[in-house]
N, C-alpha and C. Protein backbone atom coordinates (compact mmCIF):
# COMPACT_ATOMS: atom_id res chain seq x y z
N UNK A 1 -36.95 7.19 -9.25
CA UNK A 1 -37.41 6.69 -7.96
C UNK A 1 -36.36 6.98 -6.88
N UNK A 2 -35.38 6.10 -6.75
CA UNK A 2 -34.36 6.28 -5.73
C UNK A 2 -33.34 7.33 -6.10
N UNK A 3 -33.20 7.60 -7.38
CA UNK A 3 -32.19 8.57 -7.82
C UNK A 3 -32.55 9.99 -7.42
N UNK A 4 -33.81 10.29 -7.21
CA UNK A 4 -34.23 11.64 -6.84
C UNK A 4 -33.59 12.06 -5.51
N UNK A 5 -33.52 11.15 -4.56
CA UNK A 5 -32.93 11.46 -3.26
C UNK A 5 -31.44 11.79 -3.41
N UNK A 6 -30.76 11.10 -4.29
CA UNK A 6 -29.33 11.35 -4.51
C UNK A 6 -29.12 12.76 -5.03
N UNK A 7 -29.94 13.19 -5.99
CA UNK A 7 -29.78 14.53 -6.57
C UNK A 7 -30.06 15.60 -5.52
N UNK A 8 -31.01 15.39 -4.64
CA UNK A 8 -31.30 16.38 -3.60
C UNK A 8 -30.12 16.50 -2.64
N UNK A 9 -29.46 15.38 -2.33
CA UNK A 9 -28.31 15.41 -1.43
C UNK A 9 -27.16 16.19 -2.06
N UNK A 10 -26.95 16.05 -3.34
CA UNK A 10 -25.86 16.74 -4.02
C UNK A 10 -26.07 18.25 -3.99
N UNK A 11 -27.32 18.71 -4.07
CA UNK A 11 -27.62 20.14 -4.12
C UNK A 11 -27.43 20.83 -2.77
N UNK A 12 -27.31 20.07 -1.69
CA UNK A 12 -27.20 20.68 -0.35
C UNK A 12 -25.96 21.55 -0.22
N UNK A 13 -24.81 21.06 -0.67
CA UNK A 13 -23.60 21.85 -0.51
C UNK A 13 -22.38 21.17 -1.10
N UNK A 14 -21.25 21.87 -1.15
CA UNK A 14 -20.03 21.34 -1.75
C UNK A 14 -19.47 20.13 -1.01
N UNK A 15 -19.70 20.05 0.31
CA UNK A 15 -19.17 18.91 1.07
C UNK A 15 -19.73 17.60 0.54
N UNK A 16 -21.03 17.58 0.23
CA UNK A 16 -21.66 16.36 -0.27
C UNK A 16 -21.09 16.01 -1.64
N UNK A 17 -20.85 17.02 -2.47
CA UNK A 17 -20.30 16.78 -3.80
C UNK A 17 -18.89 16.21 -3.68
N UNK A 18 -18.08 16.77 -2.80
CA UNK A 18 -16.72 16.26 -2.61
C UNK A 18 -16.77 14.82 -2.11
N UNK A 19 -17.71 14.52 -1.23
CA UNK A 19 -17.83 13.16 -0.70
C UNK A 19 -18.24 12.20 -1.81
N UNK A 20 -19.18 12.64 -2.67
CA UNK A 20 -19.61 11.80 -3.78
C UNK A 20 -18.46 11.56 -4.75
N UNK A 21 -17.66 12.57 -5.02
CA UNK A 21 -16.52 12.42 -5.92
C UNK A 21 -15.49 11.47 -5.31
N UNK A 22 -15.30 11.55 -4.00
CA UNK A 22 -14.36 10.65 -3.33
C UNK A 22 -14.84 9.21 -3.46
N UNK A 23 -16.13 8.99 -3.27
CA UNK A 23 -16.69 7.65 -3.42
C UNK A 23 -16.54 7.18 -4.86
N UNK A 24 -16.73 8.09 -5.82
CA UNK A 24 -16.60 7.74 -7.24
C UNK A 24 -15.16 7.35 -7.56
N UNK A 25 -14.19 8.08 -7.00
CA UNK A 25 -12.78 7.76 -7.21
C UNK A 25 -12.46 6.38 -6.66
N UNK A 26 -13.00 6.06 -5.48
CA UNK A 26 -12.79 4.73 -4.90
C UNK A 26 -13.38 3.67 -5.81
N UNK A 27 -14.57 3.94 -6.36
CA UNK A 27 -15.24 2.99 -7.24
C UNK A 27 -14.40 2.73 -8.49
N UNK A 28 -13.87 3.80 -9.09
CA UNK A 28 -13.02 3.66 -10.28
C UNK A 28 -11.76 2.88 -9.93
N UNK A 29 -11.17 3.16 -8.77
CA UNK A 29 -9.96 2.46 -8.34
C UNK A 29 -10.21 0.97 -8.21
N UNK A 30 -11.37 0.59 -7.65
CA UNK A 30 -11.71 -0.82 -7.51
C UNK A 30 -11.84 -1.48 -8.88
N UNK A 31 -12.42 -0.78 -9.83
CA UNK A 31 -12.56 -1.33 -11.18
C UNK A 31 -11.19 -1.52 -11.82
N UNK A 32 -10.31 -0.52 -11.67
CA UNK A 32 -8.97 -0.61 -12.25
C UNK A 32 -8.21 -1.78 -11.64
N UNK A 33 -8.31 -1.95 -10.33
CA UNK A 33 -7.63 -3.07 -9.67
C UNK A 33 -8.18 -4.40 -10.17
N UNK A 34 -9.50 -4.48 -10.36
CA UNK A 34 -10.12 -5.72 -10.85
C UNK A 34 -9.62 -6.04 -12.25
N UNK A 35 -9.52 -5.01 -13.11
CA UNK A 35 -9.03 -5.21 -14.48
C UNK A 35 -7.57 -5.66 -14.45
N UNK A 36 -6.78 -5.06 -13.57
CA UNK A 36 -5.37 -5.45 -13.47
C UNK A 36 -5.24 -6.92 -13.09
N UNK A 37 -6.08 -7.37 -12.15
CA UNK A 37 -6.02 -8.78 -11.74
C UNK A 37 -6.41 -9.70 -12.88
N UNK A 38 -7.37 -9.28 -13.70
CA UNK A 38 -7.81 -10.11 -14.83
C UNK A 38 -6.73 -10.17 -15.92
N UNK A 39 -6.12 -9.04 -16.22
CA UNK A 39 -5.13 -8.99 -17.30
C UNK A 39 -3.74 -9.42 -16.82
N UNK A 40 -3.46 -9.18 -15.54
CA UNK A 40 -2.17 -9.52 -14.92
C UNK A 40 -0.99 -8.97 -15.73
N UNK A 41 -0.16 -9.83 -16.28
CA UNK A 41 1.09 -9.41 -16.92
C UNK A 41 0.84 -8.58 -18.17
N UNK A 42 -0.25 -8.81 -18.88
CA UNK A 42 -0.51 -8.08 -20.13
C UNK A 42 -0.54 -6.58 -19.89
N UNK A 43 -1.21 -6.13 -18.83
CA UNK A 43 -1.30 -4.71 -18.54
C UNK A 43 0.08 -4.14 -18.20
N UNK A 44 0.87 -4.89 -17.45
CA UNK A 44 2.21 -4.42 -17.07
C UNK A 44 3.09 -4.23 -18.30
N UNK A 45 3.01 -5.13 -19.25
CA UNK A 45 3.81 -5.02 -20.47
C UNK A 45 3.42 -3.76 -21.24
N UNK A 46 2.12 -3.48 -21.34
CA UNK A 46 1.67 -2.29 -22.06
C UNK A 46 2.16 -1.02 -21.36
N UNK A 47 2.20 -1.02 -20.04
CA UNK A 47 2.63 0.17 -19.30
C UNK A 47 4.12 0.43 -19.49
N UNK A 48 4.93 -0.61 -19.54
CA UNK A 48 6.36 -0.44 -19.66
C UNK A 48 6.78 -0.01 -21.06
N UNK A 49 6.01 -0.34 -22.07
CA UNK A 49 6.40 0.01 -23.44
C UNK A 49 6.08 1.43 -23.79
């Protein structure tokens, strides 16, 4: 349904694809930050070891 419009936008050109990837990177970054807040010190300990 709504996903068809997204696929048509991606096929237009590389600029749209780069923009979609940028939005995806932001989305992943938000998830990583949320996980860090939930785990807090536990994640930091794993990174340092």
